[in-house]
Protein backbone atom coordinates (compact mmCIF):
# COMPACT_ATOMS: atom_id res chain seq x y z
CA UNK A 1 1.22 -0.70 20.32
CA UNK A 2 0.78 0.04 16.58
CA UNK A 3 1.81 -3.46 15.32
CA UNK A 4 3.59 -1.97 12.34
CA UNK A 5 0.77 0.16 11.12
CA UNK A 6 3.13 3.21 11.25
CA UNK A 7 5.11 1.71 8.52
CA UNK A 8 2.00 1.40 6.38
CA UNK A 9 1.19 4.96 7.09
CA UNK A 10 4.54 6.07 5.83
CA UNK A 11 4.14 3.82 2.80
CA UNK A 12 0.58 5.73 2.08
CA UNK A 13 2.21 9.07 2.58
CA UNK A 14 4.99 8.21 0.37
CA UNK A 15 2.59 7.05 -2.31
CA UNK A 16 0.41 10.06 -2.13
CA UNK A 17 3.20 12.38 -3.35
CA UNK A 18 2.03 15.21 -1.18
CA UNK A 19 -1.53 15.14 -2.60
CA UNK A 20 -4.23 15.06 0.00
CA UNK A 21 -6.68 13.15 -2.27
CA UNK A 22 -4.16 10.30 -3.15
CA UNK A 23 -3.20 10.26 0.50
CA UNK A 24 -6.93 9.67 1.55
CA UNK A 25 -7.26 7.05 -1.28
CA UNK A 26 -4.13 5.32 0.02
CA UNK A 27 -5.32 5.38 3.63
CA UNK A 28 -8.68 4.07 2.86
CA UNK A 29 -7.16 1.17 0.73
CA UNK A 30 -4.84 0.19 3.61
CA UNK A 31 -7.76 0.59 6.18
CA UNK A 32 -9.89 -1.70 3.91
CA UNK A 33 -7.20 -4.31 3.75
CA UNK A 34 -6.63 -4.20 7.48
CA UNK A 35 -10.40 -4.64 8.01
CA UNK A 36 -10.53 -7.57 5.60
CA UNK A 37 -7.74 -9.34 7.68
CA UNK A 38 -9.77 -8.92 10.90
CA UNK A 39 -12.70 -10.29 9.04
CA UNK A 40 -10.67 -13.28 7.67
CA UNK A 41 -9.66 -14.24 10.98
CA UNK A 42 -13.09 -15.93 11.41
CA UNK A 43 -12.49 -18.03 8.33
CA UNK A 44 -10.71 -21.36 8.56
CA UNK A 45 -7.28 -19.81 7.51
CA UNK A 46 -3.83 -20.08 9.02
CA UNK A 47 -3.49 -17.15 11.43
CA UNK A 48 -0.18 -16.14 10.09
CA UNK A 49 -1.50 -15.80 6.45
CA UNK A 50 -4.29 -13.61 7.81
CA UNK A 51 -2.02 -11.37 9.93
CA UNK A 52 0.44 -10.82 6.99
CA UNK A 53 -2.33 -9.65 4.54
CA UNK A 54 -1.97 -5.81 4.97
CA UNK A 55 1.73 -5.97 4.83
CA UNK A 56 1.76 -7.96 1.76
CA UNK A 57 -0.74 -5.68 0.16
CA UNK A 58 1.50 -2.69 1.29
CA UNK A 59 4.50 -4.20 -0.30
CA UNK A 60 2.67 -4.89 -3.46
CA UNK A 61 1.27 -1.39 -3.65
CA UNK A 62 4.57 0.11 -3.14
CA UNK A 63 6.19 -2.08 -5.75
CA UNK A 64 3.36 -1.12 -8.16
CA UNK A 65 3.86 2.63 -7.53
CA UNK A 66 7.62 2.31 -7.92
CA UNK A 67 7.14 0.47 -11.24
CA UNK A 68 4.55 3.03 -12.50
CA UNK A 69 6.80 5.89 -11.33
CA UNK A 70 9.95 4.58 -13.09
CA UNK A 71 8.02 4.08 -16.17
CA UNK A 72 6.74 7.58 -16.21
CA UNK A 73 10.18 8.99 -15.53
CA UNK A 74 11.59 6.95 -18.43
CA UNK A 75 8.81 8.20 -20.79
CA UNK A 76 9.49 11.71 -19.85
CA UNK A 77 13.34 11.31 -20.42
CA UNK A 78 12.54 9.87 -23.93
CA UNK A 79 10.06 12.62 -24.73
CA UNK A 80 12.64 15.36 -23.75
CA UNK A 81 15.39 14.05 -25.65
């Protein structure tokens, strides 16, 4: 079972824009967050909070990526007109 990590992989691929360097950086970022979630399980935190950490970071990264992409598109439209 992958426990939803396939969706995190799809998010990393989508954010990379078919560029292998960005894909590697995204995969490492999400891997570090997953490892951090495993490490946080030893802390005195609610397990639900710890288990949702990789998914919250993935959603935040996708929102940031979308915001930057939309902003870049709008900037290019204004520059071309």
